[in-house]
Protein backbone atom coordinates (compact mmCIF):
# COMPACT_ATOMS: atom_id res chain seq x y z
CA MET A 1 -0.15 0.70 10.90
CA LEU A 2 -1.43 2.80 13.80
CA LEU A 3 -4.50 0.56 13.89
CA ILE A 4 -2.57 -2.71 13.96
CA SER A 5 -0.29 -1.32 16.68
CA ALA A 6 -3.30 -0.43 18.83
CA MET A 7 -4.96 -3.80 18.21
CA ALA A 8 -1.80 -5.58 19.35
CA LEU A 9 -2.31 -4.06 22.81
CA PHE A 10 -5.55 -6.00 23.28
CA LEU A 11 -5.35 -9.11 21.08
CA PRO A 12 -2.85 -11.94 20.52
CA VAL A 13 -0.62 -11.43 17.49
CA HIS A 14 -1.96 -14.46 15.61
CA ILE A 15 -5.44 -12.89 15.79
CA VAL A 16 -4.45 -9.29 15.08
CA ILE A 17 -3.26 -9.67 11.49
CA PRO A 18 -6.35 -11.53 10.11
CA ILE A 19 -8.84 -9.20 11.84
CA HIS A 20 -6.79 -6.20 10.81
CA ALA A 21 -7.16 -7.38 7.21
CA VAL A 22 -10.97 -7.24 7.54
CA THR A 23 -10.97 -3.75 9.06
CA GLN A 24 -8.54 -2.48 6.44
CA LEU A 25 -10.74 -3.96 3.70
CA ALA A 26 -13.66 -1.90 5.03
CA SER A 27 -11.53 1.21 5.49
CA ASN A 28 -9.93 1.12 2.05
CA PHE A 29 -13.07 0.03 0.22
CA SER A 30 -15.09 2.83 1.81
CA ARG A 31 -12.48 5.41 0.73
CA ALA A 32 -12.27 3.90 -2.75
CA ILE A 33 -16.03 3.99 -3.41
CA LEU A 34 -16.26 7.56 -2.12
CA SER A 35 -13.76 8.77 -4.75
CA PRO A 36 -13.95 6.42 -7.78
CA ALA A 37 -13.46 9.13 -10.41
CA THR A 38 -10.07 10.15 -8.99
CA THR A 39 -8.54 6.65 -9.01
CA ALA A 40 -5.48 6.26 -11.26
CA TRP A 41 -6.54 2.98 -12.91
CA HIS A 42 -3.41 2.76 -15.08
CA ILE A 43 -1.54 2.21 -11.80
CA GLY A 44 -4.09 0.14 -9.88
CA VAL A 45 -4.93 -2.47 -12.51
CA PRO A 46 -1.30 -3.64 -13.14
CA PHE A 47 -0.83 -3.75 -9.35
CA MET A 48 -3.84 -6.08 -9.00
CA VAL A 49 -2.64 -8.33 -11.81
CA GLY A 50 0.80 -8.69 -10.23
CA MET A 51 -0.80 -9.44 -6.88
CA LEU A 52 -3.01 -12.19 -8.35
CA ILE A 53 0.00 -13.77 -10.05
CA GLY A 54 1.81 -13.89 -6.71
CA MET A 55 -1.07 -15.32 -4.68
CA PRO A 56 -0.37 -19.06 -5.22
CA GLY A 57 3.21 -18.61 -4.07
CA ALA A 58 2.12 -16.48 -1.10
CA ILE A 59 -0.30 -19.20 0.04
CA GLY A 60 2.52 -21.75 -0.06
CA ILE A 61 4.91 -19.55 1.91
CA TYR A 62 2.29 -18.67 4.52
CA THR A 63 1.58 -22.33 5.22
CA ILE A 64 5.29 -23.00 5.72
CA TYR A 65 6.47 -20.06 7.81
CA ALA A 66 4.77 -19.11 11.09
CA ALA A 67 7.08 -16.22 12.00
CA LYS A 68 6.84 -12.69 10.68
CA PHE A 69 9.34 -11.25 8.26
CA SER A 70 11.63 -8.66 9.84
CA ALA A 71 10.21 -5.14 9.80
CA LEU A 72 13.70 -3.61 9.54
CA PRO A 73 14.10 -3.79 5.73
CA LEU A 74 10.61 -2.36 5.19
CA GLY A 75 11.25 0.54 7.55
CA ILE A 76 14.56 1.43 5.90
CA PHE A 77 13.03 1.09 2.44
CA VAL A 78 10.16 3.44 3.24
CA LEU A 79 12.55 6.06 4.65
CA MET A 80 14.67 5.93 1.51
CA MET A 81 11.73 6.16 -0.86
CA VAL A 82 10.10 9.05 1.00
CA TRP A 83 13.17 11.26 1.38
CA ILE A 84 15.22 10.61 -1.77
CA PRO A 85 14.02 13.28 -4.24
CA PRO A 86 11.84 11.73 -6.98
CA HIS A 87 13.80 13.41 -9.77
CA LYS A 88 17.01 11.72 -8.60
CA ILE A 89 15.35 8.31 -8.62
CA ALA A 90 13.88 9.00 -12.04
CA SER A 91 17.29 10.06 -13.34
CA ALA A 92 18.91 6.91 -11.96
CA LEU A 93 16.29 4.66 -13.55
CA LYS A 94 16.14 6.48 -16.86
CA ARG A 95 17.72 4.58 -19.73
CA LYS A 96 20.57 6.65 -21.10
CA GLY A 97 20.59 6.85 -24.87
CA SER A 98 22.72 8.79 -27.30
CA ALA A 99 22.12 12.49 -27.86
CA ALA A 100 20.87 11.75 -31.36
CA ASP A 101 18.42 9.16 -30.09
CA ARG A 102 17.07 11.56 -27.52
CA LYS A 103 16.76 14.29 -30.13
CA ILE A 104 14.72 12.24 -32.58
CA SER A 105 12.52 10.64 -29.92
CA SER A 106 9.08 12.16 -29.99
CA ILE A 107 7.21 13.28 -26.89
CA ASP A 108 4.48 10.72 -27.56
CA LYS A 109 6.96 7.82 -27.65
CA SER A 110 8.61 9.05 -24.47
CA GLU A 111 5.28 9.25 -22.66
CA ALA A 112 4.24 5.81 -23.91
CA ARG A 113 7.53 4.31 -22.71
CA LYS A 114 7.16 6.00 -19.34
CA LYS A 115 3.63 4.64 -18.99
CA ARG A 116 4.81 1.09 -19.80
CA TYR A 117 7.58 1.30 -17.22
CA THR A 118 5.08 2.58 -14.65
CA GLU A 119 2.63 -0.24 -15.35
CA VAL A 120 5.32 -2.93 -15.17
CA GLY A 121 6.75 -1.39 -11.99
CA PHE A 122 3.40 -1.40 -10.18
CA GLY A 123 2.75 -4.95 -11.40
CA VAL A 124 6.01 -6.05 -9.79
CA LEU A 125 5.08 -4.10 -6.64
CA GLY A 126 1.77 -5.97 -6.41
CA PHE A 127 3.54 -9.31 -6.87
CA ILE A 128 6.03 -8.55 -4.08
CA GLN A 129 3.50 -7.03 -1.72
CA ILE A 130 1.21 -10.05 -1.50
CA PHE A 131 4.13 -11.94 0.06
CA ILE A 132 5.16 -9.18 2.47
CA THR A 133 1.71 -8.17 3.70
CA LEU A 134 0.89 -11.58 5.20
CA PHE A 135 3.66 -11.13 7.76
CA VAL A 136 3.95 -7.37 8.19
CA GLY A 137 0.21 -6.80 8.58
CA SER A 138 0.00 -3.30 7.11
CA SER A 139 1.94 -2.83 3.89
CA ALA A 140 0.38 0.42 2.65
CA PRO A 141 3.59 2.39 3.37
CA LEU A 142 5.25 0.25 0.71
CA ASN A 143 2.86 1.70 -1.88
CA LEU A 144 2.80 5.33 -0.84
CA PRO A 145 6.41 6.25 -1.70
CA PHE A 146 5.86 4.94 -5.24
CA LEU A 147 2.57 6.80 -5.51
CA LEU A 148 4.23 10.00 -4.30
CA GLN A 149 6.75 9.67 -7.12
CA GLN A 150 3.90 9.68 -9.65
CA GLN A 151 3.07 13.21 -8.49
CA LEU A 152 -0.61 12.40 -8.17
CA ARG A 153 -2.99 14.97 -6.80
CA ARG A 154 -4.09 14.61 -3.19
CA ASP A 155 -7.42 12.93 -3.94
CA GLN A 156 -5.87 10.73 -6.65
CA LEU A 157 -3.25 9.50 -4.22
CA VAL A 158 -5.77 8.63 -1.50
CA ALA A 159 -8.26 6.94 -3.84
CA THR A 160 -5.62 4.97 -5.75
CA SER A 161 -3.92 3.76 -2.58
CA ALA A 162 -7.31 2.76 -1.15
CA MET A 163 -8.20 0.77 -4.26
CA MET A 164 -4.83 -1.03 -4.26
CA MET A 165 -5.08 -1.94 -0.59
CA THR A 166 -8.68 -3.13 -1.05
CA GLY A 167 -7.33 -5.78 -3.39
CA VAL A 168 -4.53 -6.67 -0.98
CA SER A 169 -6.96 -7.05 1.94
CA LEU A 170 -9.29 -9.30 -0.10
CA ALA A 171 -6.37 -11.52 -1.07
CA LYS A 172 -5.18 -11.74 2.55
CA ILE A 173 -8.63 -12.70 3.83
CA ALA A 174 -8.90 -15.44 1.22
CA ILE A 175 -5.51 -16.81 2.26
CA PHE A 176 -6.35 -16.73 5.99
CA VAL A 177 -9.67 -18.49 5.40
CA GLY A 178 -7.88 -21.12 3.35
CA ALA A 179 -5.41 -21.58 6.20
CA GLY A 180 -8.29 -22.29 8.61
CA PHE A 181 -8.70 -19.01 10.53
CA SER A 182 -12.27 -18.64 11.91
CA PHE A 183 -13.47 -15.06 11.46
CA ALA A 184 -16.91 -16.04 12.81
CA THR A 185 -15.43 -16.40 16.31
CA TYR A 186 -14.81 -12.65 16.39
CA THR A 187 -18.04 -11.49 14.75
CA TRP A 188 -18.98 -8.76 17.25
CA LEU A 189 -15.46 -7.39 17.45
CA ILE A 190 -15.34 -7.17 13.66
CA ILE A 191 -18.76 -5.48 13.49
CA GLY A 192 -17.65 -2.82 15.97
CA LEU A 193 -14.43 -2.20 14.07
CA LEU A 194 -16.26 -1.96 10.74
CA CYS A 195 -18.71 0.64 12.08
CA ALA A 196 -15.81 2.75 13.34
CA VAL A 197 -13.92 2.36 10.06
CA PHE A 198 -16.82 3.48 7.85
CA GLY A 199 -17.48 6.44 10.12
CA GLY A 200 -13.82 7.45 10.00
CA SER A 201 -13.70 7.18 6.20
CA TRP A 202 -16.84 9.32 5.85
CA CYS A 203 -15.39 12.04 8.07
CA GLY A 204 -11.92 11.83 6.51
CA THR A 205 -13.23 12.20 2.95
CA ARG A 206 -14.93 15.46 3.91
CA VAL A 207 -12.07 16.88 5.97
CA ARG A 208 -9.46 16.09 3.30
CA GLN A 209 -10.80 18.69 0.87
CA TYR A 210 -9.91 21.47 3.32
CA ILE A 211 -6.23 20.46 3.55
CA PRO A 212 -3.95 22.29 1.05
CA GLU A 213 -2.11 20.05 -1.43
CA GLN A 214 1.42 20.95 -0.27
CA LYS A 215 0.54 20.65 3.39
CA PHE A 216 -1.08 17.28 2.72
CA VAL A 217 2.09 15.91 1.07
CA ARG A 218 4.31 17.22 3.89
CA LEU A 219 2.00 15.71 6.50
CA LEU A 220 1.93 12.39 4.67
CA LYS A 221 5.74 12.30 4.49
CA LEU A 222 5.95 13.06 8.21
CA VAL A 223 3.54 10.26 9.12
CA LEU A 224 5.35 7.79 6.85
CA THR A 225 8.68 8.75 8.40
CA LEU A 226 7.41 8.26 11.95
CA LEU A 227 5.89 4.87 11.06
CA ALA A 228 9.08 3.76 9.30
CA LEU A 229 11.23 4.82 12.27
CA ARG A 230 8.92 2.87 14.56
CA LEU A 231 9.41 -0.23 12.40
CA VAL A 232 13.18 0.16 12.59
CA VAL A 233 13.17 0.68 16.36
CA LEU A 234 10.89 -2.30 17.05
CA ALA A 235 13.03 -4.51 14.84
CA LEU A 236 16.22 -3.52 16.64
CA VAL A 237 14.98 -3.48 20.23
């Protein structure tokens, strides 16, 4: 979101979002291939499936509406998901059964049920996100609160988010090409951005290992909060 904000200072809005999709594809793909073993595939695959299911509808909506969706709901949503304690959300979503049912339920069944809920939830997230991302530009903050709730390790969180957003960027580019946007017109600009993106990913992957887990999570929450507040302010001003 920092990147798309900076690009908007130099390029018209109708150009920013498609080119941003290309640069984010390079950024996320480079992070994903640098850490494939740490990707949480049980989260990423359902997300991709949901996204593919939503693509036909997203193409139809994009051809109809020229204006962006409001950033206000996204900003408020991100703030809520980042700062509401995960255990409270889990408790609210947990299906309440009788004491006897809970007593006889095995740990294996409980874990299997939890995994199914997680897979379905990320599938729905992928379905919803393909609609939102065409108009918001950068929708990664929508994923990160959910990933934080999975209590993934630092490298797992980065690699899984990168893989998910690689799929989103590919889908966006396909939709923009289908809508008639000419990426070839901005070849040199895209090449320059891609070189910078790959260099940044290479450096970031090596610096990340020196950041303590707890500090990393706190820093991520701070950045998400600032970005969400910016969305709210821009929507209201």
